C-alpha atoms as a PDB file:
ATOM      1  CA  MET A   1       6.130 -24.570 -22.664  1.00  0.00           C
ATOM      2  CA  GLU A   2       7.446 -22.407 -19.780  1.00  0.00           C
ATOM      3  CA  PRO A   3       7.174 -18.729 -20.422  1.00  0.00           C
ATOM      4  CA  VAL A   4      10.473 -16.745 -20.521  1.00  0.00           C
ATOM      5  CA  ILE A   5       8.784 -13.953 -18.662  1.00  0.00           C
ATOM      6  CA  SER A   6       5.483 -14.221 -16.747  1.00  0.00           C
ATOM      7  CA  VAL A   7       3.909 -11.178 -15.114  1.00  0.00           C
ATOM      8  CA  LYS A   8       1.203 -11.709 -12.495  1.00  0.00           C
ATOM      9  CA  GLY A   9      -0.878  -8.792 -11.170  1.00  0.00           C
ATOM     10  CA  MET A  10       1.940  -6.299 -11.462  1.00  0.00           C
ATOM     11  CA  CYS A  11       1.386  -2.881  -9.995  1.00  0.00           C
ATOM     12  CA  THR A  12       4.218  -0.337 -10.222  1.00  0.00           C
ATOM     13  CA  GLY A  13       4.767   3.333 -10.228  1.00  0.00           C
ATOM     14  CA  TYR A  14       6.785   6.145  -8.696  1.00  0.00           C
ATOM     15  CA  ALA A  15       7.292   7.213  -4.976  1.00  0.00           C
ATOM     16  CA  GLY A  16       4.778   4.558  -3.957  1.00  0.00           C
ATOM     17  CA  GLN A  17       2.038   5.850  -6.268  1.00  0.00           C
ATOM     18  CA  PRO A  18       0.805   3.332  -8.881  1.00  0.00           C
ATOM     19  CA  VAL A  19       0.881   4.128 -12.467  1.00  0.00           C
ATOM     20  CA  VAL A  20       0.424   0.624 -13.900  1.00  0.00           C
ATOM     21  CA  HIS A  21      -2.379  -1.496 -12.373  1.00  0.00           C
ATOM     22  CA  ASP A  22      -2.894  -5.324 -12.281  1.00  0.00           C
ATOM     23  CA  LEU A  23      -0.986  -6.128 -15.388  1.00  0.00           C
ATOM     24  CA  SER A  24      -0.627  -9.920 -16.228  1.00  0.00           C
ATOM     25  CA  PHE A  25       0.810 -11.683 -19.306  1.00  0.00           C
ATOM     26  CA  ASP A  26       3.201 -14.287 -20.389  1.00  0.00           C
ATOM     27  CA  VAL A  27       5.788 -14.236 -23.173  1.00  0.00           C
ATOM     28  CA  ASN A  28       7.017 -17.621 -24.545  1.00  0.00           C
ATOM     29  CA  PRO A  29      10.282 -18.364 -26.273  1.00  0.00           C
ATOM     30  CA  GLY A  30      10.117 -17.067 -29.777  1.00  0.00           C
ATOM     31  CA  GLU A  31       7.226 -14.840 -29.174  1.00  0.00           C
ATOM     32  CA  VAL A  32       7.019 -11.161 -29.830  1.00  0.00           C
ATOM     33  CA  LEU A  33       4.712  -9.169 -27.606  1.00  0.00           C
ATOM     34  CA  CYS A  34       3.853  -5.548 -28.408  1.00  0.00           C
ATOM     35  CA  LEU A  35       2.639  -2.938 -25.920  1.00  0.00           C
ATOM     36  CA  LEU A  36       0.676  -0.308 -27.529  1.00  0.00           C
ATOM     37  CA  GLY A  37      -1.196   2.806 -26.248  1.00  0.00           C
ATOM     38  CA  PRO A  38      -1.139   6.655 -26.215  1.00  0.00           C
ATOM     39  CA  ASN A  39       1.386   8.680 -24.348  1.00  0.00           C
ATOM     40  CA  GLY A  40       0.950   8.324 -20.613  1.00  0.00           C
ATOM     41  CA  ALA A  41      -0.616   4.861 -20.839  1.00  0.00           C
ATOM     42  CA  GLY A  42       2.174   3.193 -18.643  1.00  0.00           C
ATOM     43  CA  LYS A  43       4.171   1.487 -21.359  1.00  0.00           C
ATOM     44  CA  THR A  44       7.643   2.697 -20.504  1.00  0.00           C
ATOM     45  CA  THR A  45       6.819   2.368 -16.820  1.00  0.00           C
ATOM     46  CA  THR A  46       6.061  -1.369 -17.495  1.00  0.00           C
ATOM     47  CA  MET A  47       9.345  -1.793 -19.234  1.00  0.00           C
ATOM     48  CA  LEU A  48      11.230  -0.163 -16.426  1.00  0.00           C
ATOM     49  CA  ALA A  49       9.605  -2.618 -13.938  1.00  0.00           C
ATOM     50  CA  LEU A  50      10.345  -5.602 -16.151  1.00  0.00           C
ATOM     51  CA  SER A  51      13.932  -4.682 -16.332  1.00  0.00           C
ATOM     52  CA  GLY A  52      14.453  -4.221 -12.713  1.00  0.00           C
ATOM     53  CA  GLU A  53      14.871  -0.486 -12.780  1.00  0.00           C
ATOM     54  CA  LEU A  54      11.682   0.126 -11.038  1.00  0.00           C
ATOM     55  CA  PRO A  55      10.409  -1.580  -8.020  1.00  0.00           C
ATOM     56  CA  LEU A  56       6.968  -3.340  -7.812  1.00  0.00           C
ATOM     57  CA  ILE A  57       4.270  -2.124  -5.460  1.00  0.00           C
ATOM     58  CA  ASP A  58       2.262  -5.423  -5.870  1.00  0.00           C
ATOM     59  CA  GLY A  59       2.387  -8.633  -7.892  1.00  0.00           C
ATOM     60  CA  GLU A  60       5.393 -10.312  -9.349  1.00  0.00           C
ATOM     61  CA  VAL A  61       7.587 -10.904 -12.352  1.00  0.00           C
ATOM     62  CA  GLN A  62       9.022 -14.267 -13.076  1.00  0.00           C
ATOM     63  CA  PHE A  63      11.966 -14.869 -15.331  1.00  0.00           C
ATOM     64  CA  GLU A  64      12.057 -18.562 -16.503  1.00  0.00           C
ATOM     65  CA  GLY A  65       9.983 -19.576 -13.641  1.00  0.00           C
ATOM     66  CA  ILE A  66      11.891 -17.835 -10.862  1.00  0.00           C
ATOM     67  CA  LYS A  67      10.676 -14.777  -9.298  1.00  0.00           C
ATOM     68  CA  ALA A  68      12.705 -11.773 -10.330  1.00  0.00           C
ATOM     69  CA  LYS A  69      14.060  -9.550  -7.595  1.00  0.00           C
ATOM     70  CA  ALA A  70      17.464  -8.673  -8.978  1.00  0.00           C
ATOM     71  CA  PRO A  71      18.440  -5.276 -10.410  1.00  0.00           C
ATOM     72  CA  LEU A  72      18.934  -4.548 -13.987  1.00  0.00           C
ATOM     73  CA  TYR A  73      22.587  -5.466 -14.258  1.00  0.00           C
ATOM     74  CA  ARG A  74      22.047  -8.882 -12.800  1.00  0.00           C
ATOM     75  CA  ARG A  75      19.033  -9.649 -14.980  1.00  0.00           C
ATOM     76  CA  ALA A  76      21.198  -8.702 -18.036  1.00  0.00           C
ATOM     77  CA  ARG A  77      23.842 -11.190 -16.793  1.00  0.00           C
ATOM     78  CA  ALA A  78      21.107 -13.851 -16.649  1.00  0.00           C
ATOM     79  CA  GLY A  79      20.058 -13.327 -20.280  1.00  0.00           C
ATOM     80  CA  MET A  80      18.017 -10.081 -20.689  1.00  0.00           C
ATOM     81  CA  SER A  81      18.853  -7.260 -23.031  1.00  0.00           C
ATOM     82  CA  TYR A  82      17.099  -3.929 -22.628  1.00  0.00           C
ATOM     83  CA  VAL A  83      17.080  -1.348 -25.486  1.00  0.00           C
ATOM     84  CA  THR A  84      15.681   1.925 -24.029  1.00  0.00           C
ATOM     85  CA  GLU A  85      14.264   5.078 -25.885  1.00  0.00           C
ATOM     86  CA  GLU A  86      17.852   6.675 -25.637  1.00  0.00           C
ATOM     87  CA  ARG A  87      20.429   5.109 -27.967  1.00  0.00           C
ATOM     88  CA  SER A  88      23.097   3.437 -25.880  1.00  0.00           C
ATOM     89  CA  VAL A  89      26.176   4.471 -27.948  1.00  0.00           C
ATOM     90  CA  PHE A  90      29.572   5.506 -26.579  1.00  0.00           C
ATOM     91  CA  LYS A  91      30.012   8.565 -28.926  1.00  0.00           C
ATOM     92  CA  GLY A  92      33.771   8.739 -28.460  1.00  0.00           C
ATOM     93  CA  MET A  93      34.401   5.180 -29.387  1.00  0.00           C
ATOM     94  CA  THR A  94      34.384   3.620 -32.899  1.00  0.00           C
ATOM     95  CA  LEU A  95      31.575   1.382 -33.888  1.00  0.00           C
ATOM     96  CA  ARG A  96      33.847  -1.621 -33.577  1.00  0.00           C
ATOM     97  CA  ASP A  97      34.956  -0.690 -30.077  1.00  0.00           C
ATOM     98  CA  ASN A  98      31.150  -0.140 -29.209  1.00  0.00           C
ATOM     99  CA  LEU A  99      30.615  -3.735 -30.143  1.00  0.00           C
ATOM    100  CA  ARG A 100      33.707  -4.959 -28.292  1.00  0.00           C
ATOM    101  CA  VAL A 101      32.514  -3.192 -25.138  1.00  0.00           C
ATOM    102  CA  GLY A 102      29.301  -5.071 -25.367  1.00  0.00           C
ATOM    103  CA  GLY A 103      31.066  -8.343 -25.971  1.00  0.00           C
ATOM    104  CA  VAL A 104      29.667  -8.813 -29.438  1.00  0.00           C
ATOM    105  CA  ASP A 105      31.719  -9.908 -32.493  1.00  0.00           C
ATOM    106  CA  ALA A 106      31.736  -7.408 -35.462  1.00  0.00           C
ATOM    107  CA  GLU A 107      30.815 -10.291 -37.779  1.00  0.00           C
ATOM    108  CA  GLU A 108      27.627 -11.001 -35.860  1.00  0.00           C
ATOM    109  CA  ALA A 109      26.644  -7.384 -35.997  1.00  0.00           C
ATOM    110  CA  VAL A 110      27.208  -7.169 -39.821  1.00  0.00           C
ATOM    111  CA  ALA A 111      25.211 -10.309 -40.265  1.00  0.00           C
ATOM    112  CA  LEU A 112      22.245  -8.447 -38.694  1.00  0.00           C
ATOM    113  CA  PHE A 113      22.957  -5.201 -40.404  1.00  0.00           C
ATOM    114  CA  PRO A 114      25.246  -5.292 -43.384  1.00  0.00           C
ATOM    115  CA  GLU A 115      25.329  -1.608 -43.660  1.00  0.00           C
ATOM    116  CA  LEU A 116      27.392  -1.374 -40.395  1.00  0.00           C
ATOM    117  CA  GLY A 117      30.364  -3.105 -42.125  1.00  0.00           C
ATOM    118  CA  ARG A 118      31.649  -0.115 -43.752  1.00  0.00           C
ATOM    119  CA  ARG A 119      31.256   2.023 -40.704  1.00  0.00           C
ATOM    120  CA  MET A 120      33.460   0.047 -38.127  1.00  0.00           C
ATOM    121  CA  THR A 121      36.096   2.799 -37.808  1.00  0.00           C
ATOM    122  CA  VAL A 122      33.606   5.645 -37.425  1.00  0.00           C
ATOM    123  CA  ARG A 123      33.013   7.140 -33.882  1.00  0.00           C
ATOM    124  CA  GLY A 124      29.493   6.553 -32.508  1.00  0.00           C
ATOM    125  CA  GLY A 125      28.760  10.108 -32.332  1.00  0.00           C
ATOM    126  CA  LEU A 126      29.179  10.559 -36.051  1.00  0.00           C
ATOM    127  CA  LEU A 127      26.987   7.821 -36.985  1.00  0.00           C
ATOM    128  CA  SER A 128      23.437   8.599 -38.210  1.00  0.00           C
ATOM    129  CA  GLY A 129      20.421   8.093 -35.937  1.00  0.00           C
ATOM    130  CA  GLY A 130      19.495   4.917 -37.878  1.00  0.00           C
ATOM    131  CA  GLU A 131      23.090   3.596 -37.650  1.00  0.00           C
ATOM    132  CA  GLN A 132      23.207   4.324 -33.892  1.00  0.00           C
ATOM    133  CA  GLN A 133      20.049   2.398 -33.303  1.00  0.00           C
ATOM    134  CA  MET A 134      21.244  -0.471 -35.571  1.00  0.00           C
ATOM    135  CA  LEU A 135      24.402  -0.597 -33.408  1.00  0.00           C
ATOM    136  CA  THR A 136      22.329  -0.531 -30.188  1.00  0.00           C
ATOM    137  CA  LEU A 137      20.113  -3.451 -31.281  1.00  0.00           C
ATOM    138  CA  ALA A 138      23.067  -5.430 -32.775  1.00  0.00           C
ATOM    139  CA  ARG A 139      24.826  -5.128 -29.449  1.00  0.00           C
ATOM    140  CA  ALA A 140      21.732  -6.299 -27.654  1.00  0.00           C
ATOM    141  CA  LEU A 141      20.899  -9.168 -29.941  1.00  0.00           C
ATOM    142  CA  GLY A 142      24.500 -10.212 -30.380  1.00  0.00           C
ATOM    143  CA  ARG A 143      24.492 -11.431 -26.798  1.00  0.00           C
ATOM    144  CA  LYS A 144      21.746 -13.919 -27.950  1.00  0.00           C
ATOM    145  CA  PRO A 145      19.387 -12.970 -24.984  1.00  0.00           C
ATOM    146  CA  ARG A 146      16.544 -15.095 -23.719  1.00  0.00           C
ATOM    147  CA  LEU A 147      14.546 -11.890 -23.348  1.00  0.00           C
ATOM    148  CA  LEU A 148      14.695  -8.674 -25.179  1.00  0.00           C
ATOM    149  CA  LEU A 149      12.950  -5.593 -23.985  1.00  0.00           C
ATOM    150  CA  ALA A 150      12.842  -2.886 -26.639  1.00  0.00           C
ATOM    151  CA  ASP A 151      11.367   0.602 -25.841  1.00  0.00           C
ATOM    152  CA  GLU A 152      10.470   2.672 -28.891  1.00  0.00           C
ATOM    153  CA  LEU A 153      13.104   1.435 -31.346  1.00  0.00           C
ATOM    154  CA  SER A 154      11.562   3.491 -34.181  1.00  0.00           C
ATOM    155  CA  LEU A 155      11.756   6.871 -32.272  1.00  0.00           C
ATOM    156  CA  GLY A 156      12.683   9.525 -34.891  1.00  0.00           C
ATOM    157  CA  LEU A 157      13.780   7.170 -37.534  1.00  0.00           C
ATOM    158  CA  ALA A 158      12.969   6.777 -41.302  1.00  0.00           C
ATOM    159  CA  PRO A 159      10.369   4.044 -42.227  1.00  0.00           C
ATOM    160  CA  LEU A 160      12.950   1.942 -44.082  1.00  0.00           C
ATOM    161  CA  VAL A 161      15.177   1.948 -40.974  1.00  0.00           C
ATOM    162  CA  VAL A 162      12.305   1.085 -38.783  1.00  0.00           C
ATOM    163  CA  ASP A 163      11.542  -2.033 -41.008  1.00  0.00           C
ATOM    164  CA  ARG A 164      15.171  -3.177 -40.779  1.00  0.00           C
ATOM    165  CA  LEU A 165      15.054  -2.888 -36.900  1.00  0.00           C
ATOM    166  CA  LEU A 166      11.884  -4.737 -36.617  1.00  0.00           C
ATOM    167  CA  GLN A 167      12.928  -7.365 -39.054  1.00  0.00           C
ATOM    168  CA  ALA A 168      16.029  -8.016 -36.892  1.00  0.00           C
ATOM    169  CA  VAL A 169      13.777  -8.456 -33.793  1.00  0.00           C
ATOM    170  CA  ARG A 170      11.515 -10.853 -35.705  1.00  0.00           C
ATOM    171  CA  LYS A 171      14.509 -12.839 -36.898  1.00  0.00           C
ATOM    172  CA  ALA A 172      15.932 -13.146 -33.284  1.00  0.00           C
ATOM    173  CA  ALA A 173      12.509 -14.483 -32.031  1.00  0.00           C
ATOM    174  CA  ASP A 174      12.161 -16.955 -34.945  1.00  0.00           C
ATOM    175  CA  GLU A 175      15.820 -18.269 -35.094  1.00  0.00           C
ATOM    176  CA  GLN A 176      17.246 -17.783 -31.511  1.00  0.00           C
ATOM    177  CA  LYS A 177      13.932 -18.249 -29.716  1.00  0.00           C
ATOM    178  CA  THR A 178      14.299 -14.890 -28.003  1.00  0.00           C
ATOM    179  CA  ALA A 179      11.230 -13.864 -26.204  1.00  0.00           C
ATOM    180  CA  VAL A 180      10.481 -10.079 -26.997  1.00  0.00           C
ATOM    181  CA  VAL A 181       8.491  -7.354 -25.246  1.00  0.00           C
ATOM    182  CA  MET A 182       8.521  -4.199 -27.290  1.00  0.00           C
ATOM    183  CA  VAL A 183       6.829  -0.807 -27.136  1.00  0.00           C
ATOM    184  CA  GLU A 184       5.992   0.890 -30.270  1.00  0.00           C
ATOM    185  CA  GLN A 185       3.844   3.965 -31.408  1.00  0.00           C
ATOM    186  CA  HIS A 186       3.971   2.862 -35.024  1.00  0.00           C
ATOM    187  CA  ALA A 187       1.204   0.260 -34.684  1.00  0.00           C
ATOM    188  CA  HIS A 188       0.898  -0.533 -38.331  1.00  0.00           C
ATOM    189  CA  LYS A 189       4.620  -1.496 -38.661  1.00  0.00           C
ATOM    190  CA  ALA A 190       5.011  -3.105 -35.304  1.00  0.00           C
ATOM    191  CA  LEU A 191       2.027  -5.375 -35.766  1.00  0.00           C
ATOM    192  CA  ARG A 192       3.390  -6.970 -38.875  1.00  0.00           C
ATOM    193  CA  TYR A 193       6.030  -8.723 -36.702  1.00  0.00           C
ATOM    194  CA  THR A 194       3.859  -9.205 -33.549  1.00  0.00           C
ATOM    195  CA  ASP A 195       2.382 -12.448 -32.138  1.00  0.00           C
ATOM    196  CA  HIS A 196       0.530 -10.835 -29.301  1.00  0.00           C
ATOM    197  CA  ALA A 197      -0.577  -7.238 -28.647  1.00  0.00           C
ATOM    198  CA  LEU A 198      -1.706  -5.612 -25.454  1.00  0.00           C
ATOM    199  CA  VAL A 199      -3.309  -2.156 -25.843  1.00  0.00           C
ATOM    200  CA  MET A 200      -2.880   0.013 -22.576  1.00  0.00           C
ATOM    201  CA  ARG A 201      -4.745   2.994 -21.367  1.00  0.00           C
ATOM    202  CA  ARG A 202      -4.227   4.707 -18.151  1.00  0.00           C
ATOM    203  CA  GLY A 203      -1.981   2.010 -16.810  1.00  0.00           C
ATOM    204  CA  ARG A 204      -4.394  -0.978 -17.559  1.00  0.00           C
ATOM    205  CA  ILE A 205      -4.852  -3.381 -20.261  1.00  0.00           C
ATOM    206  CA  GLY A 206      -7.721  -2.250 -22.529  1.00  0.00           C
ATOM    207  CA  LEU A 207      -7.379  -4.971 -25.237  1.00  0.00           C
ATOM    208  CA  ASP A 208      -5.551  -8.229 -25.145  1.00  0.00           C
ATOM    209  CA  LEU A 209      -5.311  -9.531 -28.838  1.00  0.00           C
ATOM    210  CA  THR A 210      -3.411 -11.982 -30.958  1.00  0.00           C
ATOM    211  CA  GLY A 211      -1.216 -10.444 -33.516  1.00  0.00           C
ATOM    212  CA  GLU A 212      -3.727 -11.528 -36.225  1.00  0.00           C
ATOM    213  CA  GLN A 213      -6.740 -10.001 -34.370  1.00  0.00           C
ATOM    214  CA  ALA A 214      -4.744  -6.753 -33.868  1.00  0.00           C
ATOM    215  CA  ARG A 215      -3.828  -6.520 -37.544  1.00  0.00           C
ATOM    216  CA  GLN A 216      -7.470  -7.125 -38.600  1.00  0.00           C
ATOM    217  CA  ARG A 217      -8.701  -4.394 -36.262  1.00  0.00           C
ATOM    218  CA  ILE A 218      -5.871  -1.916 -36.525  1.00  0.00           C
ATOM    219  CA  GLY A 219      -8.177   0.973 -37.594  1.00  0.00           C
ATOM    220  CA  GLU A 220     -10.189   0.336 -34.607  1.00  0.00           C
ATOM    221  CA  VAL A 221      -7.224  -0.063 -32.400  1.00  0.00           C
ATOM    222  CA  GLU A 222      -5.610   3.224 -33.486  1.00  0.00           C
ATOM    223  CA  GLN A 223      -8.806   5.257 -33.367  1.00  0.00           C
ATOM    224  CA  ALA A 224      -9.984   4.046 -29.918  1.00  0.00           C
ATOM    225  CA  TYR A 225      -6.721   3.748 -28.019  1.00  0.00           C
ATOM    226  CA  LEU A 226      -3.666   5.242 -29.723  1.00  0.00           C
ATOM    227  CA  THR A 227      -4.792   8.810 -30.420  1.00  0.00           C
ATOM    228  CA  SER A 228      -5.482  11.387 -27.686  1.00  0.00           C
ATOM    229  CA  ALA A 229      -8.540  12.632 -29.517  1.00  0.00           C
ATOM    230  CA  GLY A 230     -10.179   9.347 -30.250  1.00  0.00           C
ATOM    231  CA  GLY A 231      -9.129   7.428 -27.185  1.00  0.00           C
ATOM    232  CA  SER A 232     -11.687   8.257 -24.581  1.00  0.00           C
ATOM    233  CA  ILE A 233     -12.424   5.874 -21.819  1.00  0.00           C
ATOM    234  CA  GLU A 234     -16.115   5.595 -23.015  1.00  0.00           C
ATOM    235  CA  ALA A 235     -14.940   4.444 -26.477  1.00  0.00           C
ATOM    236  CA  GLY A 236     -12.623   1.941 -24.996  1.00  0.00           C
ATOM    237  CA  GLU A 237     -15.290   0.521 -22.672  1.00  0.00           C
ATOM    238  CA  ALA A 238     -17.816   0.305 -25.625  1.00  0.00           C
ATOM    239  CA  ASP A 239     -15.251  -1.613 -27.551  1.00  0.00           C
ATOM    240  CA  LEU A 240     -14.719  -4.124 -24.823  1.00  0.00           C
ATOM    241  CA  LYS A 241     -18.429  -4.674 -24.381  1.00  0.00           C
ATOM    242  CA  ALA A 242     -18.749  -5.289 -28.041  1.00  0.00           C
ATOM    243  CA  HIS A 243     -15.770  -7.736 -28.027  1.00  0.00           C
ATOM    244  CA  PRO A 244     -15.931  -9.425 -24.501  1.00  0.00           C
ATOM    245  CA  HIS A 245     -13.820 -12.333 -25.814  1.00  0.00           C
ATOM    246  CA  ASP A 246     -10.801  -9.986 -26.238  1.00  0.00           C
ATOM    247  CA  GLN A 247     -10.578  -8.818 -22.574  1.00  0.00           C
ATOM    248  CA  ASN A 248      -7.576  -9.755 -20.604  1.00  0.00           C
ATOM    249  CA  GLU A 249      -8.347 -12.300 -18.157  1.00  0.00           C
ATOM    250  CA  GLY A 250      -5.050 -12.025 -16.244  1.00  0.00           C
END
């Protein structure tokens, strides 16, 4: 099976200064990869590079076997959807018109999120934060992308809304075979829907786990890598020595 996206030795950053180092992974059709790590680990920088918004310093990104050099808008036309931390909603347009601008049929959006059905005539700026994020994700998934990049879908949202968003992502992976790379701080919730997890620290991969391994070791993962107080380099190195089979070999 050919990966939808393949990252090989990627190094990227800002003004020529690397922030992410030697990152390698594949994401196959229908697979959900979750990037975890503390603030400043390089997760959003990684997403910007995958989307084409940030140039590479070294390494390469392949999209369906072809080296990706195009900017974001061309990658979007080729089958990529990118949901950023900021909700991409036209606040002066109705929900229906927001969907129309994205080329998504209202019925498809309602099939994903039935609660949007009664809000079609409401302007984007008057929607709740959860409704805005549902709209954003419905517009992204309604295009039936080959690849979805989702950066912090859950930011500032209630737990029930977070579950609804993550369920929609999992459904797209299972039914449409969309490959997904998502960044999430809520590890417990995200890992319920994840096939593969990479835990990043200081721009590098600390742990490379299957979804099942990550779920079994969630307490350890959170303590060692996701909290500033508990996430020392020494703790991470000790964990890798204790579990050498989990190290990333890319």
